[in-house]
Amino acid sequence: MTEYVVLLPGDEAQWERTPQADKEAMYAIHREFAQALEERGHKVTGGSELAHSREAKVLRTDPAGNHTVTDGPYAETVEQLTGFYIVQSDDLDDLIEVCKILGRGEGAIEIRAAAGGSSS
């Protein structure tokens, strides 16, 4: 099986302003996605909604080996990585089809194979 990461970028400020009922609707989409993955033979091995990027720490190392730790996201953009799934699958095309469930509420979704391609 090949291991994929399903990356979920989003606008964190918009999410913070989203009414709780709309958040619950989004969580229902994620439950539907997880159920569809299982029914179609894909295996979720990890994943999580991530804390706001303002809580992130960025570790940078310069060519001399000096380390600097700063607050905030790695990239200064409107969209940040808001969550991810790690999925094992033998069928990328079908995984993409199932990810369309998330697309009803998430917008852009990135599906990327793990380096090395497969796991046991």
Protein backbone atom coordinates (compact mmCIF):
# COMPACT_ATOMS: atom_id res chain seq x y z
CA MET A 1 0.00 0.00 0.00
CA THR A 2 1.12 3.53 -0.65
CA GLU A 3 0.95 6.11 2.10
CA TYR A 4 -0.53 9.51 1.27
CA VAL A 5 -0.94 12.70 3.23
CA VAL A 6 -4.16 14.60 2.62
CA LEU A 7 -3.34 18.23 3.47
CA LEU A 8 -6.12 20.64 4.38
CA PRO A 9 -5.23 24.32 4.01
CA GLY A 10 -7.66 26.92 5.19
CA ASP A 11 -8.26 30.49 6.33
CA GLU A 12 -7.84 30.33 10.11
CA ALA A 13 -9.35 33.78 10.72
CA GLN A 14 -12.47 32.80 8.79
CA TRP A 15 -12.74 29.53 10.75
CA GLU A 16 -12.58 31.42 14.05
CA ARG A 17 -15.56 33.55 12.91
CA THR A 18 -17.57 30.55 11.72
CA PRO A 19 -20.73 29.92 13.75
CA GLN A 20 -20.69 26.69 15.78
CA ALA A 21 -23.55 25.19 13.74
CA ASP A 22 -21.50 25.62 10.56
CA LYS A 23 -18.46 24.07 12.26
CA GLU A 24 -20.59 21.07 13.24
CA ALA A 25 -21.69 20.72 9.61
CA MET A 26 -18.02 20.66 8.57
CA TYR A 27 -17.22 18.03 11.19
CA ALA A 28 -20.09 15.93 9.78
CA ILE A 29 -18.41 16.11 6.36
CA HIS A 30 -15.20 14.82 7.94
CA ARG A 31 -17.09 11.92 9.55
CA GLU A 32 -18.65 11.10 6.17
CA PHE A 33 -15.16 11.23 4.59
CA ALA A 34 -13.72 8.85 7.22
CA GLN A 35 -16.61 6.43 6.75
CA ALA A 36 -16.24 6.48 2.95
CA LEU A 37 -12.50 5.82 3.23
CA GLU A 38 -13.15 2.77 5.40
CA GLU A 39 -15.95 1.45 3.19
CA ARG A 40 -13.76 1.73 0.07
CA GLY A 41 -10.71 0.03 1.54
CA HIS A 42 -8.50 3.01 2.37
CA LYS A 43 -6.93 3.01 5.82
CA VAL A 44 -6.51 6.17 7.91
CA THR A 45 -3.36 5.77 10.01
CA GLY A 46 -3.16 9.28 11.46
CA GLY A 47 -4.26 12.85 11.21
CA SER A 48 -5.54 15.79 13.18
CA GLU A 49 -7.03 19.24 13.11
CA LEU A 50 -4.15 21.56 13.92
CA ALA A 51 -4.00 24.37 16.47
CA HIS A 52 -3.96 27.92 15.08
CA SER A 53 -0.66 28.81 13.37
CA ARG A 54 -0.13 31.70 15.81
CA GLU A 55 0.72 28.99 18.34
CA ALA A 56 3.39 27.49 16.07
CA LYS A 57 7.10 27.61 16.69
CA VAL A 58 9.49 27.75 13.75
CA LEU A 59 13.01 26.39 14.14
CA ARG A 60 15.48 27.69 11.57
CA THR A 61 19.08 26.55 11.21
CA ASP A 62 21.60 28.62 9.29
CA PRO A 63 24.52 27.16 7.28
CA ALA A 64 26.82 27.54 10.31
CA GLY A 65 24.51 25.35 12.41
CA ASN A 66 23.08 28.16 14.55
CA HIS A 67 19.44 27.73 15.57
CA THR A 68 16.74 30.38 15.90
CA VAL A 69 13.24 29.75 17.22
CA THR A 70 10.48 32.21 16.32
CA ASP A 71 6.75 32.39 16.96
CA GLY A 72 4.11 32.04 14.30
CA PRO A 73 3.66 30.21 11.05
CA TYR A 74 6.40 29.19 8.66
CA ALA A 75 4.77 31.14 5.83
CA GLU A 76 2.96 34.46 6.10
CA THR A 77 -0.14 33.68 4.04
CA VAL A 78 -3.91 33.88 4.49
CA GLU A 79 -4.22 30.12 4.20
CA GLN A 80 -2.35 27.88 6.59
CA LEU A 81 -2.25 24.13 7.04
CA THR A 82 -5.28 23.51 9.27
CA GLY A 83 -5.31 19.72 9.36
CA PHE A 84 -4.23 16.51 7.70
CA TYR A 85 -4.98 12.83 7.27
CA ILE A 86 -2.46 10.06 6.68
CA VAL A 87 -4.06 7.42 4.48
CA GLN A 88 -2.80 4.10 3.14
CA SER A 89 -4.29 3.21 -0.22
CA ASP A 90 -3.75 1.00 -3.24
CA ASP A 91 -5.90 3.27 -5.44
CA LEU A 92 -4.94 6.95 -5.74
CA ASP A 93 -7.74 7.65 -8.21
CA ASP A 94 -10.36 6.35 -5.77
CA LEU A 95 -8.72 8.23 -2.89
CA ILE A 96 -9.07 11.42 -4.91
CA GLU A 97 -12.75 10.58 -5.49
CA VAL A 98 -13.31 10.15 -1.75
CA CYS A 99 -11.46 13.43 -1.05
CA LYS A 100 -14.13 15.18 -3.10
CA ILE A 101 -16.34 14.73 -0.01
CA LEU A 102 -14.00 17.10 1.85
CA GLY A 103 -13.98 19.42 -1.14
CA ARG A 104 -17.60 20.28 -0.43
CA GLY A 105 -16.40 22.31 2.53
CA GLU A 106 -12.63 22.66 2.42
CA GLY A 107 -11.82 24.21 -0.94
CA ALA A 108 -8.32 23.18 -2.04
CA ILE A 109 -7.01 19.84 -0.82
CA GLU A 110 -3.52 18.52 -1.49
CA ILE A 111 -2.91 14.77 -1.73
CA ARG A 112 0.75 13.84 -1.64
CA ALA A 113 2.46 10.45 -1.60
CA ALA A 114 5.01 9.83 1.12
CA ALA A 115 8.60 9.74 -0.16
CA GLY A 116 9.53 6.18 -0.93
CA GLY A 117 5.99 5.52 -2.07
CA SER A 118 4.83 2.51 -0.10
CA SER A 119 4.63 0.98 3.31
CA SER A 120 3.64 -2.46 4.49
